[in-house]
Protein backbone atom coordinates (compact mmCIF):
# COMPACT_ATOMS: atom_id res chain seq x y z
CA MET A 1 241.94 255.58 62.71
CA ASP A 2 242.92 256.09 58.98
CA ILE A 3 240.80 256.65 56.16
CA ARG A 4 240.78 253.10 54.73
CA GLU A 5 239.76 251.62 58.16
CA ASN A 6 237.26 254.28 58.63
CA ARG A 7 235.56 252.74 55.25
CA GLN A 8 235.38 249.54 56.13
CA LYS A 9 234.11 250.06 59.43
CA ARG A 10 231.34 252.11 58.03
CA ARG A 11 230.54 249.55 55.03
CA LEU A 12 230.12 247.02 58.09
CA ILE A 13 227.91 249.10 59.61
CA GLU A 14 225.68 249.48 56.61
CA SER A 15 225.69 245.79 56.22
CA VAL A 16 223.91 245.44 59.73
CA PHE A 17 220.52 246.27 58.98
CA ASN A 18 218.25 245.36 55.84
CA PRO A 19 214.38 246.16 55.97
CA ALA A 20 213.35 242.67 56.38
CA GLN A 21 215.34 242.03 59.45
CA HIS A 22 213.86 244.55 61.79
CA GLN A 23 210.66 242.96 60.85
CA ARG A 24 211.51 239.61 62.24
CA ALA A 25 212.15 241.92 65.80
CA VAL A 26 208.67 243.09 65.98
CA ARG A 27 207.62 240.35 68.10
CA VAL A 28 210.92 240.56 70.23
CA SER A 29 210.99 242.30 73.86
CA HIS A 30 214.69 242.14 75.15
CA ILE A 31 215.99 243.71 78.17
CA GLU A 32 219.22 245.28 79.51
CA ASP A 33 221.20 247.16 81.97
CA HIS A 34 221.76 250.68 81.88
CA ASP A 35 225.74 250.98 80.97
CA ALA A 36 227.88 252.97 83.18
CA ASP A 37 228.58 255.63 80.78
CA GLY A 38 224.51 256.41 79.64
CA VAL A 39 225.38 255.16 75.99
CA ALA A 40 222.98 252.83 75.83
CA ALA A 41 219.11 253.06 75.89
CA ALA A 42 216.90 251.69 78.61
CA ALA A 43 215.38 248.00 78.33
CA ALA A 44 212.05 247.27 77.04
CA GLN A 45 210.22 246.02 80.25
CA ARG A 46 213.03 244.72 82.38
CA THR A 47 212.62 241.80 84.79
CA SER A 48 213.61 243.48 87.74
CA GLU A 49 211.67 246.68 86.87
CA LYS A 50 210.22 248.51 89.90
CA VAL A 51 206.80 250.30 89.38
CA TRP A 52 205.77 252.72 92.21
CA ALA A 53 203.35 255.27 92.64
CA ILE A 54 203.18 258.79 94.37
CA THR A 55 200.44 261.46 94.80
CA GLN A 56 201.95 264.32 93.68
CA LEU A 57 204.48 265.79 90.98
CA SER A 58 206.45 267.55 92.87
CA GLY A 59 210.49 266.58 93.42
CA GLY A 60 211.22 265.38 89.80
CA ALA A 61 208.59 262.64 89.53
CA LEU A 62 207.84 262.74 86.20
CA ASP A 63 209.43 263.96 83.05
CA SER A 64 209.89 267.31 83.47
CA SER A 65 208.68 267.68 79.37
CA LEU A 66 205.34 266.65 80.19
CA ARG A 67 204.49 269.38 83.29
CA GLY A 68 203.17 271.39 81.28
CA ILE A 69 200.49 269.98 79.78
CA GLY A 70 197.15 271.00 80.91
CA ASP A 71 196.50 271.34 84.56
CA ILE A 72 198.37 268.47 86.15
CA THR A 73 200.18 270.03 88.94
CA GLY A 74 197.48 268.66 91.48
CA GLU A 75 196.95 265.15 89.85
CA GLY A 76 198.43 262.44 91.20
CA CYS A 77 200.49 259.92 89.19
CA VAL A 78 201.81 256.44 88.84
CA VAL A 79 205.62 256.51 87.75
CA GLN A 80 207.54 253.44 86.37
CA ASP A 81 211.11 253.54 87.35
CA ASP A 82 213.46 252.10 85.50
CA GLY A 83 215.00 249.98 87.78
CA ASN A 84 218.24 251.58 88.44
CA GLY A 85 216.59 254.25 90.58
CA GLY A 86 217.31 256.94 87.45
CA GLY A 87 215.34 258.85 85.08
CA GLY A 88 213.72 257.49 82.07
CA LYS A 89 210.38 257.23 84.10
CA SER A 90 207.34 256.96 82.17
CA ALA A 91 204.17 257.92 84.18
CA ALA A 92 200.43 257.59 84.33
CA LEU A 93 198.93 260.21 85.50
CA GLY A 94 195.48 260.05 87.43
CA ASP A 95 192.91 262.21 88.95
CA VAL A 96 194.14 260.49 92.51
CA ALA A 97 193.78 261.78 96.06
CA ASP A 98 195.46 265.19 96.55
CA SER A 99 195.52 267.57 99.60
CA ASN A 100 192.32 269.22 98.41
CA GLY A 101 189.28 267.02 98.69
CA GLY A 102 191.24 263.86 98.78
CA GLY A 103 189.92 261.50 96.99
CA LEU A 104 186.37 262.59 97.31
CA ARG A 105 186.26 264.76 93.95
CA PRO A 106 185.98 261.86 91.78
CA LEU A 107 183.49 260.44 93.86
CA ALA A 108 181.34 263.65 93.77
CA ARG A 109 181.44 262.97 89.73
CA GLY A 110 178.54 260.58 89.87
CA PHE A 111 176.59 262.90 91.40
CA GLY A 112 176.96 265.52 88.77
CA SER A 113 178.85 268.67 87.82
CA LEU A 114 180.81 269.65 91.20
CA ARG A 115 181.80 272.85 93.10
CA ARG A 116 184.23 273.02 95.80
CA GLY A 117 183.31 275.06 98.55
CA ARG A 118 185.50 277.32 100.78
CA GLY A 119 187.95 275.67 103.21
CA ARG A 120 190.76 273.44 103.40
CA GLY A 121 191.38 269.77 103.05
CA PHE A 122 188.00 267.79 103.26
CA GLY A 123 185.69 270.93 103.16
CA ARG A 124 182.22 271.52 101.07
CA PHE A 125 181.34 270.33 97.73
CA ARG A 126 178.27 271.33 95.93
CA VAL A 127 176.42 269.00 93.80
CA CYS A 128 174.58 270.59 91.40
CA ARG A 129 171.51 269.00 89.06
CA PRO A 130 169.06 270.87 86.55
CA HIS A 131 166.60 271.24 89.61
CA GLY A 132 168.96 272.93 92.18
CA CYS A 133 172.15 272.31 94.16
CA LEU A 134 172.96 270.16 97.21
CA GLU A 135 175.56 271.43 99.41
CA ILE A 136 177.68 268.56 100.96
CA ARG A 137 180.68 268.86 103.85
CA VAL A 138 182.39 266.33 103.89
CA LEU A 139 183.19 265.32 107.51
CA ALA A 140 186.08 263.60 109.48
CA GLY A 141 185.99 259.60 108.74
CA GLY A 142 184.28 260.83 105.07
CA HIS A 143 180.66 261.02 106.54
CA TYR A 144 178.62 263.36 105.02
CA SER A 145 176.39 266.15 106.25
CA THR A 146 173.80 268.23 104.38
CA VAL A 147 174.47 272.14 104.47
CA ASN A 148 171.52 273.59 102.07
CA ARG A 149 168.63 271.33 101.14
CA VAL A 150 167.39 272.17 97.55
CA SER A 151 164.70 269.34 97.19
CA SER A 152 163.62 266.08 98.68
CA THR A 153 164.07 264.93 94.85
CA SER A 154 167.91 265.83 95.23
CA VAL A 155 167.93 263.98 98.47
CA ALA A 156 166.40 260.59 97.19
CA ARG A 157 168.60 260.82 94.31
CA LEU A 158 171.73 261.02 96.75
CA ILE A 159 170.56 258.68 98.99
CA PHE A 160 169.84 256.19 95.94
CA LEU A 161 173.55 256.72 94.72
CA VAL A 162 174.86 256.27 97.98
CA PHE A 163 172.75 252.58 98.09
CA CYS A 164 174.52 252.16 95.32
CA PHE A 165 178.03 252.47 96.39
CA LEU A 166 177.61 250.57 99.67
CA THR A 167 176.73 247.54 97.33
CA ALA A 168 179.26 247.87 95.05
CA ALA A 169 181.84 248.50 98.27
CA ARG A 170 180.30 244.92 99.72
CA ALA A 171 180.91 243.37 96.32
CA GLN A 172 184.35 244.00 96.87
CA ASN A 173 184.82 243.07 100.39
CA VAL A 174 185.59 246.59 101.17
CA PRO A 175 185.67 246.96 105.17
CA PRO A 176 182.71 249.22 106.66
CA GLY A 177 183.97 252.89 107.28
CA ALA A 178 186.73 252.29 104.60
CA GLU A 179 188.25 255.89 103.07
CA PRO A 180 189.15 255.95 99.55
CA GLN A 181 192.24 258.18 100.26
CA LYS A 182 193.39 255.84 102.70
CA LEU A 183 192.72 252.91 100.26
CA PHE A 184 194.34 254.65 97.70
CA LYS A 185 197.36 255.47 99.77
CA ALA A 186 197.81 251.89 101.01
CA GLY A 187 197.60 250.88 97.25
CA GLU A 188 200.40 252.97 96.35
CA THR A 189 202.61 252.03 99.16
CA ALA A 190 201.66 248.06 98.25
CA LEU A 191 202.44 249.18 94.71
CA ARG A 192 205.91 250.67 95.76
CA GLU A 193 207.29 247.43 97.67
CA ASN A 194 206.20 245.22 94.71
CA ARG A 195 203.16 243.61 96.48
CA LEU A 196 200.96 243.29 93.35
CA GLU A 197 198.28 241.85 95.01
CA GLU A 198 197.36 243.59 97.65
CA ALA A 199 197.86 246.62 95.50
CA GLU A 200 195.29 245.52 93.28
CA ARG A 201 192.99 244.75 96.18
CA ASN A 202 192.94 248.43 97.39
CA PHE A 203 192.56 249.72 93.97
CA ARG A 204 189.44 247.73 93.00
CA ALA A 205 188.43 248.68 96.76
CA VAL A 206 188.65 252.29 96.12
CA LEU A 207 187.00 251.97 92.88
CA ALA A 208 184.04 249.82 94.61
CA LEU A 209 183.61 253.36 96.46
CA ASN A 210 184.64 255.87 93.65
CA PRO A 211 184.17 254.34 90.38
CA GLY A 212 185.23 257.55 88.38
CA LEU A 213 188.58 257.74 89.91
CA ALA A 214 191.05 257.50 86.83
CA GLY A 215 194.40 257.57 89.11
CA ALA A 216 193.04 253.42 90.32
CA TYR A 217 192.26 252.60 86.85
CA ALA A 218 196.02 253.91 85.78
CA ASN A 219 197.43 252.00 88.62
CA LEU A 220 195.70 248.66 88.10
CA GLY A 221 196.97 249.01 84.37
CA VAL A 222 200.54 249.44 85.54
CA ILE A 223 200.04 246.56 87.69
CA GLN A 224 199.20 244.28 84.87
CA MET A 225 202.09 246.00 82.86
CA ARG A 226 204.44 244.61 85.51
CA ARG A 227 202.89 241.48 85.48
CA LYS A 228 203.26 241.60 81.29
CA GLN A 229 199.37 240.95 80.91
CA TRP A 230 199.08 243.51 78.08
CA ALA A 231 195.57 243.27 77.33
CA GLN A 232 194.40 243.49 80.94
CA ALA A 233 196.70 246.75 81.31
CA LEU A 234 195.17 248.15 78.19
CA VAL A 235 191.50 247.87 79.44
CA MET A 236 192.49 249.41 82.51
CA LEU A 237 194.57 252.23 81.22
CA ARG A 238 191.96 253.26 78.48
CA LYS A 239 189.11 253.66 81.11
CA ALA A 240 191.52 255.81 83.00
CA GLU A 241 192.05 257.76 79.78
CA LYS A 242 188.59 258.15 78.95
CA LEU A 243 188.12 260.04 82.63
CA ALA A 244 191.32 261.88 82.22
CA PRO A 245 191.55 262.31 78.61
CA SER A 246 193.94 265.59 78.92
CA VAL A 247 196.47 263.31 80.96
CA ALA A 248 199.36 262.53 78.78
CA GLY A 249 201.27 260.21 81.16
CA ILE A 250 198.25 257.69 80.82
CA ARG A 251 198.45 258.04 76.97
CA LEU A 252 202.41 257.46 77.09
CA ASN A 253 201.81 254.34 79.37
CA ILE A 254 199.15 252.76 76.82
CA GLY A 255 201.80 253.44 74.20
CA LEU A 256 204.47 251.60 76.26
CA ALA A 257 202.05 248.75 76.91
CA TYR A 258 201.44 248.34 72.89
CA TYR A 259 205.14 248.71 72.70
CA ARG A 260 206.51 246.03 74.92
CA GLN A 261 204.41 243.33 73.13
CA GLY A 262 205.98 244.70 69.97
CA ASP A 263 202.84 246.13 68.31
CA TYR A 264 204.87 249.10 67.18
CA ARG A 265 201.99 249.98 64.75
CA ALA A 266 199.46 250.50 67.38
CA ALA A 267 201.85 252.58 69.87
CA ILE A 268 202.16 255.03 67.11
CA LYS A 269 198.75 256.85 67.89
CA PRO A 270 199.40 257.38 71.27
CA PHE A 271 202.84 258.27 71.28
CA GLU A 272 201.64 260.68 68.44
CA SER A 273 199.29 262.11 70.94
CA VAL A 274 202.07 263.08 73.69
CA VAL A 275 204.83 264.13 71.26
CA ARG A 276 202.15 266.98 70.12
CA GLU A 277 201.61 268.27 73.22
CA ALA A 278 205.02 267.72 74.99
CA PRO A 279 207.28 267.83 71.92
CA ASN A 280 210.49 268.06 73.90
CA SER A 281 209.85 265.09 75.72
CA TYR A 282 212.64 262.58 75.05
CA GLN A 283 211.38 259.35 76.11
CA ALA A 284 208.12 259.93 74.08
CA ARG A 285 209.75 261.18 70.66
CA TYR A 286 212.53 258.42 70.54
CA LEU A 287 210.14 255.79 71.13
CA LEU A 288 207.56 257.25 68.40
CA GLY A 289 210.73 257.46 66.21
CA LEU A 290 211.39 253.67 66.90
CA CYS A 291 207.83 252.87 65.78
CA TYR A 292 207.97 254.39 62.75
CA PHE A 293 211.33 253.00 62.22
CA PHE A 294 209.58 249.55 62.60
CA ASN A 295 207.01 250.33 60.39
CA ASP A 296 209.49 251.65 57.42
CA ARG A 297 208.24 254.92 57.88
CA TRP A 298 211.66 256.72 56.89
CA GLY A 299 211.04 259.94 56.66
CA ASP A 300 208.79 260.22 60.07
CA THR A 301 211.88 258.06 61.64
CA VAL A 302 214.11 261.10 60.88
CA THR A 303 212.00 264.47 61.68
CA THR A 304 211.09 262.46 64.73
CA MET A 305 214.28 261.61 65.98
CA GLU A 306 216.64 263.93 64.45
CA PRO A 307 215.67 266.72 66.69
CA LEU A 308 217.25 264.38 69.70
CA TRP A 309 220.72 264.65 68.35
CA GLY A 310 222.03 266.97 71.03
CA GLN A 311 220.97 264.38 73.96
CA ALA A 312 221.50 261.31 71.96
CA SER A 313 224.29 261.43 69.18
CA ASP A 314 226.72 259.96 71.88
CA GLN A 315 224.66 256.95 72.06
CA VAL A 316 225.63 253.93 69.75
CA TYR A 317 222.05 252.84 68.82
CA TYR A 318 220.53 255.94 68.34
CA LEU A 319 223.02 257.07 65.58
CA ASN A 320 222.98 253.70 64.03
CA VAL A 321 219.01 253.86 63.59
CA LEU A 322 219.04 257.54 62.58
CA ALA A 323 221.74 256.77 59.89
CA ARG A 324 219.91 253.60 58.19
CA ALA A 325 216.69 255.88 58.25
CA ALA A 326 218.35 258.70 56.62
CA GLU A 327 219.58 256.30 54.20
CA LYS A 328 216.47 255.11 53.38
CA ALA A 329 214.64 258.36 53.14
CA ASN A 330 217.35 259.42 50.68
CA ASN A 331 218.81 261.90 53.18
CA ALA A 332 222.36 261.49 52.23
CA ALA A 333 223.49 264.56 54.29
CA LEU A 334 222.31 263.45 57.86
CA ALA A 335 223.28 259.73 56.85
CA GLU A 336 226.45 260.83 56.32
CA ARG A 337 226.67 262.89 59.53
CA ALA A 338 225.47 259.76 61.49
CA GLN A 339 227.93 257.05 60.27
CA SER A 340 230.32 259.63 60.60
CA ARG A 341 229.68 260.19 64.53
CA LEU A 342 229.11 256.64 64.86
CA VAL A 343 232.43 255.51 63.39
CA GLU A 344 233.97 258.37 65.90
CA ILE A 345 232.45 257.67 69.09
CA GLY A 346 232.08 253.98 68.54
CA PRO A 347 235.55 252.22 68.83
CA GLY A 348 236.11 250.74 72.22
CA LYS A 349 232.36 250.82 73.12
CA PRO A 350 230.72 246.81 73.46
CA GLU A 351 227.62 248.14 71.36
CA TYR A 352 229.85 249.04 68.55
CA GLY A 353 231.54 245.58 68.87
CA LEU A 354 228.44 244.52 68.65
CA ILE A 355 227.22 246.53 65.72
CA ILE A 356 230.52 245.33 64.07
CA GLY A 357 230.06 241.88 64.83
CA LYS A 358 226.40 241.78 63.28
CA GLY A 359 227.80 243.36 60.07
CA HIS A 360 230.47 240.37 59.55
CA TYR A 361 228.01 238.19 60.57
CA ASN A 362 225.12 239.13 57.72
CA ARG A 363 228.41 239.01 55.01
CA GLY A 364 229.11 235.44 55.99
CA GLU A 365 232.07 236.10 58.10
CA TYR A 366 231.86 234.13 60.93
CA ASP A 367 235.39 234.39 62.35
CA GLU A 368 235.39 238.09 62.53
CA ALA A 369 232.11 237.89 63.76
CA LEU A 370 233.16 235.96 66.60
CA ARG A 371 235.95 238.12 67.14
CA GLU A 372 233.77 241.19 67.50
CA LEU A 373 231.01 239.91 69.48
CA GLU A 374 233.70 237.77 71.80
CA SER A 375 235.34 241.15 72.25
CA ALA A 376 232.40 242.72 73.19
CA ALA A 377 231.26 240.45 75.63
CA GLN A 378 234.48 240.69 77.37
CA LYS A 379 233.95 244.34 77.89
CA ASN A 380 230.01 243.95 79.29
CA PRO A 381 229.30 240.58 79.77
CA LYS A 382 225.65 241.52 80.42
CA LEU A 383 225.52 243.54 77.23
CA PRO A 384 222.13 242.63 75.71
CA PHE A 385 221.99 240.08 72.77
CA VAL A 386 225.80 239.87 72.73
CA HIS A 387 225.54 236.28 74.16
CA TYR A 388 222.41 235.49 71.66
CA TYR A 389 224.43 236.86 68.46
CA LEU A 390 227.46 234.69 69.78
CA GLY A 391 224.79 231.95 69.67
CA GLU A 392 223.58 232.46 65.85
CA THR A 393 226.92 232.57 65.00
CA TYR A 394 228.17 229.30 66.57
CA VAL A 395 224.84 227.79 64.77
CA LYS A 396 226.27 229.18 61.49
CA LYS A 397 229.36 227.29 62.01
CA GLN A 398 227.63 223.87 63.17
CA ASP A 399 228.94 224.12 66.70
CA TYR A 400 225.96 223.66 68.58
CA GLN A 401 227.11 222.63 72.15
CA ARG A 402 228.76 226.10 72.39
CA ALA A 403 225.79 227.73 70.65
CA ARG A 404 223.88 226.30 73.45
CA GLN A 405 226.06 227.71 75.89
CA GLU A 406 225.42 231.28 74.56
CA PHE A 407 221.48 231.15 74.59
CA ARG A 408 221.52 230.16 78.00
CA LYS A 409 224.13 232.67 78.90
CA ASP A 410 221.50 235.38 77.43
CA LEU A 411 218.89 233.48 79.29
CA GLU A 412 220.52 233.91 82.45
CA ILE A 413 220.53 237.71 81.89
CA GLU A 414 217.04 238.33 80.95
CA PRO A 415 214.63 235.16 81.16
CA ASP A 416 211.91 236.60 79.59
CA VAL A 417 212.82 236.62 75.88
CA ALA A 418 210.64 234.57 73.96
CA PHE A 419 212.69 234.76 70.85
CA THR A 420 215.90 233.18 72.70
CA TYR A 421 213.86 230.28 73.88
CA ALA A 422 212.96 229.43 70.50
CA GLU A 423 216.45 229.96 69.30
CA LEU A 424 217.54 227.48 71.99
CA ALA A 425 214.74 224.75 71.45
CA ALA A 426 215.94 224.86 67.75
CA VAL A 427 219.72 224.28 69.12
CA GLU A 428 218.16 221.84 71.48
CA SER A 429 216.30 219.87 68.41
CA THR A 430 219.42 219.94 66.27
CA LEU A 431 221.02 218.05 68.90
CA GLN A 432 218.18 215.49 69.35
CA HIS A 433 217.14 216.76 72.79
CA GLU A 434 213.51 216.70 72.00
CA ASP A 435 212.38 216.95 75.69
CA GLU A 436 214.20 220.02 76.34
CA ALA A 437 213.66 221.28 72.66
CA ALA A 438 209.46 220.99 73.15
CA LYS A 439 209.97 222.77 76.81
CA ASN A 440 211.73 225.37 75.50
CA TYR A 441 209.47 226.21 72.46
CA ARG A 442 206.56 226.11 75.02
CA LEU A 443 208.36 228.52 77.03
CA ALA A 444 208.66 230.94 73.97
CA LEU A 445 205.11 230.69 73.18
CA LYS A 446 203.86 231.13 77.08
CA LEU A 447 206.09 234.47 76.39
CA ASP A 448 204.79 235.09 72.86
CA SER A 449 201.94 233.22 71.25
CA LYS A 450 202.49 234.69 67.95
CA LEU A 451 206.10 233.27 67.58
CA VAL A 452 205.76 231.32 64.28
CA GLY A 453 208.75 229.54 64.63
CA ALA A 454 208.07 228.06 67.90
CA HIS A 455 204.80 227.18 67.08
CA MET A 456 206.54 225.45 63.58
CA GLY A 457 209.37 223.70 65.80
CA LEU A 458 207.04 222.71 68.37
CA ALA A 459 204.65 220.81 65.39
CA LYS A 460 207.72 218.78 64.01
CA ILE A 461 208.77 217.62 67.44
CA GLU A 462 204.90 216.56 68.05
CA GLU A 463 204.89 214.79 64.22
CA ARG A 464 207.82 213.07 64.98
CA ARG A 465 206.39 211.87 68.41
CA ARG A 466 203.60 210.67 66.26
CA ASN A 467 201.12 213.34 68.59
CA TYR A 468 199.30 214.39 65.05
CA LYS A 469 196.85 216.00 67.00
CA VAL A 470 199.01 218.31 68.97
CA ALA A 471 200.68 218.78 65.96
CA LEU A 472 197.79 219.85 63.97
CA GLY A 473 196.83 222.19 66.61
CA GLU A 474 200.11 223.98 66.25
CA LEU A 475 200.42 223.93 62.68
CA ASP A 476 196.94 225.78 62.67
CA ALA A 477 198.31 228.23 64.86
CA VAL A 478 201.44 228.86 62.22
CA ILE A 479 198.77 229.07 59.18
CA ARG A 480 196.69 231.52 60.97
CA LEU A 481 199.41 233.86 61.67
CA ASP A 482 201.10 233.27 58.27
CA ARG A 483 198.61 231.91 55.32
CA ALA A 484 201.73 232.14 53.11
CA ASN A 485 203.82 229.51 54.99
CA ALA A 486 204.11 226.64 52.37
CA SER A 487 206.05 224.36 54.91
CA ALA A 488 203.40 224.21 57.62
CA ARG A 489 200.55 223.59 54.76
CA TYR A 490 203.03 220.50 53.31
CA LEU A 491 203.56 219.08 57.18
CA ARG A 492 199.85 219.67 57.80
CA GLY A 493 199.09 217.53 54.82
CA GLN A 494 201.44 214.72 56.15
CA VAL A 495 199.83 215.08 59.36
CA LEU A 496 196.33 214.51 58.14
CA VAL A 497 197.21 211.50 55.96
CA HIS A 498 198.45 210.01 59.23
CA MET A 499 195.55 210.79 60.54
CA GLY A 500 193.37 208.97 58.43
CA ARG A 501 192.36 212.05 56.90
CA GLU A 502 193.68 211.30 53.42
CA LYS A 503 191.57 213.59 51.64
CA GLU A 504 192.41 216.66 53.64
CA GLY A 505 195.53 216.06 53.58
CA ARG A 506 196.31 215.61 49.84
CA VAL A 507 194.44 218.93 49.38
CA ASP A 508 196.89 220.59 51.53
CA LEU A 509 200.03 218.93 50.13
CA ALA A 510 198.84 220.10 46.22
CA THR A 511 198.06 223.88 47.93
CA ALA A 512 201.98 223.64 49.60
CA THR A 513 203.47 222.13 46.06
CA ARG A 514 201.81 224.91 44.41
CA MET A 515 202.82 227.84 46.99
CA LEU A 516 206.32 226.43 47.07
CA ASN A 517 206.16 226.36 43.09
CA GLN A 518 204.82 230.04 42.91
CA GLN A 519 206.86 231.64 45.66
CA ARG A 520 210.39 232.59 46.59
CA SER A 521 209.52 235.64 48.82
CA ALA A 522 211.94 237.17 51.26
CA ARG A 523 209.63 236.30 53.99
CA GLN A 524 209.57 232.73 53.14
CA LYS A 525 213.34 232.75 52.74
CA GLU A 526 213.53 234.36 56.09
CA LEU A 527 211.28 231.62 57.83
CA GLU A 528 213.68 228.79 56.53
CA THR A 529 217.06 230.37 56.59
CA PRO A 530 216.75 233.65 59.23
CA ALA A 531 219.14 236.57 59.14
CA ALA A 532 220.10 238.15 62.35
CA PRO A 533 217.30 240.22 63.28
CA SER A 534 217.89 243.44 64.86
CA PRO A 535 215.74 243.58 68.20
CA GLU A 536 218.23 245.59 70.21
CA LEU A 537 217.03 248.77 68.16
CA ALA A 538 213.99 248.76 70.12
CA ARG A 539 215.25 249.11 73.57
CA GLU A 540 213.79 251.87 75.37
CA PRO A 541 215.35 255.22 75.80
CA GLN A 542 216.25 256.58 79.65
C-alpha cells in the first residue's frame, strides 16, 4: 500500500466515529460469531449463549487472572460460556457446595459464627453464641446429632431455627429429606443443559433450606441473564454479592448485566472493582475501557485499554476504539500508533471493510460505501452489522426494497437486536406496510422499552390510524425519555386536539413551536436524520 493510499484510508477511518454517534449505540446490544482468526471480539449477549455451572475452579473454568482474588479456590462458580466452547468466560463465583462440608457451611451461618471440626466430608460444625457453643455432627442424609450440649437455651434456639427452615422448605415445595448439596448439583446440571425452569426450581429449593448460600443466588442471577431479564438478574446478583463481597466474579456479572442493557455508566463501578483486584483480567479491563469510551471519558479509556496492546493489537475494533480515544485525549503519539497499526493489519479483513464502508457512509459517499460493505459481506456473510449498514446505505439511496432485505438478513443472523427492528419498521412504514411497521416497532420495544425512535414511529402509525389514545401513550413515553423532543410535543398537540382536548393540545403545539425555534441541537438533528451509530464497538472481548 503506497503512502497516498495509506493516508486516504486513515482519513476514512477518522470519519467513522464522532462523539454523537456512539451515544446512539448506548441502547444497542448486538451479537456476533467469533471469527476464525480471533480478530473480532466476542458478542454482547449471544442468542445461542450457553451458561453452564460447575462446582470447582480447577481445570481453567475461570479467567486465570481472577484466581488470585481472595480465597476462592474452594469456592464454586457459575461460568458463562461464549457459545463456542472457548475462552472469554465470565464467572459469578458463589459460596457453593464444595468437598468439605458441602452446602451445609452456609446453612450454619444462620446459627452464628461457624467453626469446622476435624474430619473429612460431612464432619462436625461448632455453632457459637455469646453464651456458649453447640457442636453438631452432620450425618448421612443431612441429619444432625449434638455432640456437646452447652445450654437448653442453645438447643431451643436451634430447634426454632430448624423449624423456620422446614417451614420455608414447605413453602418452596422442597421434598422431605432433600439435601442442599444434591439440590445444588441438580440445579447445576439443569443449568448446564439449558433447562432453566428446572434449574431455577432447584436453586430456589436450596435457598429455602440454606438462605445464606451465595452460589444459589449467583446461579439464579445467571438464569435471569440468559432470559435477558436484567432487573431480576441484578436482584439475585446483588444478594450474592452481599453474601460474598470478596468474590470478584459476582461483580463481573453485575457489570455484564448493566453492560448488556447498554447502561455503560452503571457498569463502570463493578468493572472498576474487578480491575483493581485483578488488573490483568483481559475481559474486565476491555469492558471497563469500552464503558469509559461510551461515556466520553477519553483519558480513562486510554489508560485502561492501552495495557491490552500486547493481547489485542491484532483486533480491528480494539485499534479503532483506542485510536479514537487517544485522539480525543490529545495523545497524538498513541493515536498515530493505533491508526498506523490498523492500516497495517486491516486490509483484507471484513471488519476493516466495514470500518472503511462506514467512513464512506458518513461522508455521504454511498456508492463507495456499498462497494466496501458488500465486499465485507462476501468475505463474511455473518459479520455483525454488515447487513445493517448495507440497509442504512440503501435507505440513503432510497432503495427501500434492498434496504428491507438487508435488515431482514441482519435479523436472521441475530434476532434480538432492537435497533434493527426499529430501522426495518421505518422502511416498512415508508413502503406503506403499516401492519408490518407496527409489528416491528413493537418487537423493538419488547427488546428495548427505551428506544425513542420506536415509540415515535409507532405513535405516528397509530395517529394515522386514528387510534389516538394509543398514540398519546407512545408520545408520552417519548417525552418521558426525551423531554427536548419537539417533534413528539408537536404530534402530541395534534393528537390532543383530535381527541377534543383542544386547550391542552394548543399548549403543546405552542411549546413545540418555541422549542423548534430555540434549538437546533445535535441531538435533535440526530433524531430527525440519524448518522450511522457505532454499536459494533460495544462487543465483548473473548
